[in-house]
């Protein structure tokens, strides 16, 4: 009888495999020089609708995905997606002055509502501009995602640095990818963070 129960006891005590995070974003590097072309990849655990925003070192806000407000933003869960710019080029060209920028990727089970940030079929960057985007770019990006969302969404943020001194280069396909898939960390709840005050979002830290 005891021998028969042994496999059950072992299975109960065995640690559960790590769960995939709802969303993870990574860059081809974390340090760039002006003129570099940056690659961005995003992976979601579940299918949904994706939004990727960028705040450069000067606080300028850009939408990296979808390229147009009416673009297809649906993504399949479990797949890594490379965000591409126009002409299937890299996600963006680093045109920042020295400083740091941020990329925010958000995923929701419902399409993001883009009407308030669109004009003549294109992104309206005057509407996207945030007055405090330089002082707190992450909060600005999160606020935009929250205004577009139709409900709950998950998000992840990665920071990059722009410098005048060329950094030591690493393989863009190797472990040097900023925010790589290993070592996920733990849950972070956006509504519990006084810096963001987002009631409908959850960040993967």
Protein backbone atom coordinates (compact mmCIF):
# COMPACT_ATOMS: atom_id res chain seq x y z
CA UNK A 1 0.00 0.00 0.00
CA UNK A 2 2.79 2.41 0.94
CA UNK A 3 4.69 1.57 -2.22
CA UNK A 4 1.58 2.28 -4.26
CA UNK A 5 1.24 5.73 -2.70
CA UNK A 6 4.90 6.65 -3.20
CA UNK A 7 4.53 8.00 -6.78
CA UNK A 8 1.58 10.15 -5.64
CA UNK A 9 3.56 11.63 -2.77
CA UNK A 10 6.51 12.36 -5.06
CA UNK A 11 4.26 14.07 -7.62
CA UNK A 12 2.71 16.26 -4.92
CA UNK A 13 6.09 17.30 -3.54
CA UNK A 14 7.67 17.91 -6.94
CA UNK A 15 7.96 21.64 -7.75
CA UNK A 16 5.64 22.98 -10.40
CA UNK A 17 7.27 24.03 -13.67
CA UNK A 18 7.68 27.81 -13.99
CA UNK A 19 4.70 29.43 -15.64
CA UNK A 20 5.14 31.62 -18.67
CA UNK A 21 4.59 35.31 -18.00
CA UNK A 22 1.59 36.97 -19.69
CA UNK A 23 3.93 39.16 -21.75
CA UNK A 24 7.65 39.76 -22.09
CA UNK A 25 9.46 42.32 -24.25
CA UNK A 26 13.15 42.32 -25.10
CA UNK A 27 15.55 44.43 -27.15
CA UNK A 28 18.51 43.49 -29.33
CA UNK A 29 20.71 45.44 -26.90
CA UNK A 30 20.36 47.67 -23.87
CA UNK A 31 22.94 50.26 -24.97
CA UNK A 32 22.82 51.98 -28.38
CA UNK A 33 24.56 54.81 -30.19
CA UNK A 34 22.65 57.31 -32.30
CA UNK A 35 21.80 55.81 -35.69
CA UNK A 36 21.63 52.20 -34.50
CA UNK A 37 18.67 50.12 -35.59
CA UNK A 38 16.97 48.45 -32.67
CA UNK A 39 15.11 45.17 -32.85
CA UNK A 40 12.23 44.40 -30.53
CA UNK A 41 10.67 41.04 -29.76
CA UNK A 42 7.54 40.29 -27.74
CA UNK A 43 6.19 37.01 -26.43
CA UNK A 44 2.74 36.51 -24.89
CA UNK A 45 1.49 33.45 -23.06
CA UNK A 46 -2.05 33.75 -24.42
CA UNK A 47 -3.53 34.98 -27.66
CA UNK A 48 -4.74 38.56 -27.59
CA UNK A 49 -4.18 42.04 -28.95
CA UNK A 50 -0.80 43.72 -28.74
CA UNK A 51 0.26 47.33 -28.32
CA UNK A 52 3.92 48.42 -28.27
CA UNK A 53 4.87 51.99 -27.35
CA UNK A 54 8.19 53.80 -27.20
CA UNK A 55 9.29 56.89 -25.29
CA UNK A 56 12.68 58.19 -26.41
CA UNK A 57 15.20 60.08 -24.29
CA UNK A 58 13.51 63.39 -25.14
CA UNK A 59 10.08 62.10 -24.16
CA UNK A 60 8.72 61.74 -27.70
CA UNK A 61 6.06 59.02 -27.85
CA UNK A 62 5.83 56.64 -30.79
CA UNK A 63 3.70 53.59 -31.51
CA UNK A 64 5.82 50.68 -32.72
CA UNK A 65 2.92 48.24 -33.09
CA UNK A 66 0.55 48.27 -34.80
CA UNK A 67 2.03 50.57 -37.43
CA UNK A 68 -1.37 52.13 -38.11
CA UNK A 69 -4.35 52.51 -35.76
CA UNK A 70 -6.44 50.16 -37.90
CA UNK A 71 -3.68 47.58 -38.28
CA UNK A 72 -4.14 43.96 -37.26
CA UNK A 73 -2.86 43.78 -33.68
CA UNK A 74 -3.85 40.18 -32.96
CA UNK A 75 -1.08 37.85 -31.75
CA UNK A 76 -1.04 34.15 -30.97
CA UNK A 77 -0.09 32.97 -27.53
CA UNK A 78 3.19 31.16 -27.01
CA UNK A 79 4.80 32.70 -30.07
CA UNK A 80 7.63 35.18 -30.17
CA UNK A 81 6.83 38.12 -32.44
CA UNK A 82 9.44 40.45 -33.87
CA UNK A 83 8.14 44.00 -34.14
CA UNK A 84 8.99 45.44 -37.53
CA UNK A 85 8.93 48.96 -38.88
CA UNK A 86 7.87 50.02 -42.33
CA UNK A 87 9.35 48.04 -45.17
CA UNK A 88 9.90 45.11 -42.79
CA UNK A 89 12.84 46.94 -41.26
CA UNK A 90 13.91 46.94 -37.63
CA UNK A 91 11.43 48.22 -35.06
CA UNK A 92 13.01 51.66 -34.85
CA UNK A 93 16.13 53.68 -35.54
CA UNK A 94 17.74 55.15 -32.45
CA UNK A 95 17.47 58.90 -33.00
CA UNK A 96 17.64 59.89 -29.33
CA UNK A 97 20.23 62.16 -27.86
CA UNK A 98 22.17 60.75 -24.92
CA UNK A 99 19.87 59.45 -22.24
CA UNK A 100 17.48 56.57 -21.79
CA UNK A 101 14.28 55.46 -23.47
CA UNK A 102 11.59 52.93 -22.67
CA UNK A 103 9.59 50.35 -24.57
CA UNK A 104 6.23 49.25 -23.17
CA UNK A 105 4.40 46.23 -24.57
CA UNK A 106 0.81 45.54 -23.49
CA UNK A 107 -1.53 42.67 -24.30
CA UNK A 108 -5.27 42.45 -23.78
CA UNK A 109 -7.98 39.94 -24.59
CA UNK A 110 -9.90 42.79 -26.23
CA UNK A 111 -8.74 45.11 -29.03
CA UNK A 112 -7.23 48.40 -27.94
CA UNK A 113 -9.37 51.42 -28.80
CA UNK A 114 -7.32 53.74 -30.99
CA UNK A 115 -9.89 56.32 -32.14
CA UNK A 116 -8.79 59.01 -29.69
CA UNK A 117 -5.20 58.71 -30.87
CA UNK A 118 -5.82 58.51 -34.62
CA UNK A 119 -6.18 61.15 -37.31
CA UNK A 120 -6.84 60.52 -41.01
CA UNK A 121 -6.01 56.85 -40.59
CA UNK A 122 -2.63 57.44 -38.94
CA UNK A 123 -1.38 57.83 -35.40
CA UNK A 124 -1.94 61.34 -34.07
CA UNK A 125 1.28 62.07 -32.23
CA UNK A 126 -0.08 65.33 -30.87
CA UNK A 127 -2.68 63.31 -29.00
CA UNK A 128 -0.04 60.83 -27.88
CA UNK A 129 2.32 63.52 -26.57
CA UNK A 130 2.52 63.49 -22.80
CA UNK A 131 3.36 66.62 -20.84
CA UNK A 132 5.32 64.68 -18.24
CA UNK A 133 6.80 62.08 -20.58
CA UNK A 134 10.36 63.23 -19.88
CA UNK A 135 10.00 63.22 -16.11
CA UNK A 136 8.19 59.87 -15.97
CA UNK A 137 8.08 58.14 -19.38
CA UNK A 138 6.91 54.81 -18.01
CA UNK A 139 3.88 56.37 -16.34
CA UNK A 140 3.09 58.24 -19.57
CA UNK A 141 3.25 55.09 -21.68
CA UNK A 142 1.14 53.21 -19.17
CA UNK A 143 -1.43 56.00 -19.13
CA UNK A 144 -1.74 55.83 -22.93
CA UNK A 145 -2.18 52.06 -22.85
CA UNK A 146 -4.77 52.42 -20.11
CA UNK A 147 -6.73 55.00 -22.12
CA UNK A 148 -6.72 52.69 -25.14
CA UNK A 149 -7.65 49.55 -23.25
CA UNK A 150 -11.20 48.24 -23.13
CA UNK A 151 -10.53 46.34 -19.92
CA UNK A 152 -7.75 44.49 -18.14
CA UNK A 153 -4.32 44.26 -19.77
CA UNK A 154 -0.88 42.92 -18.89
CA UNK A 155 2.31 44.75 -19.72
CA UNK A 156 6.08 44.68 -19.57
CA UNK A 157 8.63 47.50 -19.83
CA UNK A 158 12.29 47.52 -20.84
CA UNK A 159 14.74 50.43 -20.69
CA UNK A 160 17.53 51.21 -23.14
CA UNK A 161 20.40 53.71 -22.97
CA UNK A 162 21.74 55.95 -25.73
CA UNK A 163 25.39 56.96 -25.47
CA UNK A 164 27.97 58.70 -27.63
CA UNK A 165 30.51 55.99 -26.83
CA UNK A 166 30.13 52.72 -28.76
CA UNK A 167 29.37 49.90 -26.31
CA UNK A 168 30.77 46.39 -26.42
CA UNK A 169 28.61 44.63 -29.00
CA UNK A 170 26.92 41.31 -28.43
CA UNK A 171 25.21 38.86 -30.75
CA UNK A 172 21.62 40.02 -31.33
CA UNK A 173 20.43 36.41 -31.35
CA UNK A 174 22.36 35.26 -28.31
CA UNK A 175 21.78 35.70 -24.57
CA UNK A 176 22.66 39.38 -24.86
CA UNK A 177 19.05 40.21 -25.79
CA UNK A 178 17.86 42.66 -23.18
CA UNK A 179 15.04 41.12 -21.14
CA UNK A 180 15.76 37.55 -22.28
CA UNK A 181 13.28 34.77 -21.68
CA UNK A 182 15.12 33.17 -18.75
CA UNK A 183 14.45 34.04 -15.11
CA UNK A 184 11.00 35.53 -15.04
CA UNK A 185 10.84 36.90 -11.51
CA UNK A 186 7.47 37.38 -9.82
CA UNK A 187 4.12 39.05 -10.22
CA UNK A 188 3.73 42.80 -9.93
CA UNK A 189 0.32 44.42 -9.71
CA UNK A 190 -0.07 47.78 -11.41
CA UNK A 191 -2.93 48.89 -9.19
CA UNK A 192 -0.75 48.43 -6.11
CA UNK A 193 2.05 50.64 -7.38
CA UNK A 194 1.65 54.31 -6.36
CA UNK A 195 3.84 55.41 -9.27
CA UNK A 196 1.36 54.22 -11.88
CA UNK A 197 -2.12 54.08 -10.36
CA UNK A 198 -3.43 51.81 -13.11
CA UNK A 199 -6.55 49.97 -11.96
CA UNK A 200 -6.85 47.56 -14.86
CA UNK A 201 -3.30 46.50 -15.58
CA UNK A 202 -0.78 44.03 -14.30
CA UNK A 203 2.94 44.20 -14.89
CA UNK A 204 5.28 41.27 -15.14
CA UNK A 205 8.37 42.28 -13.18
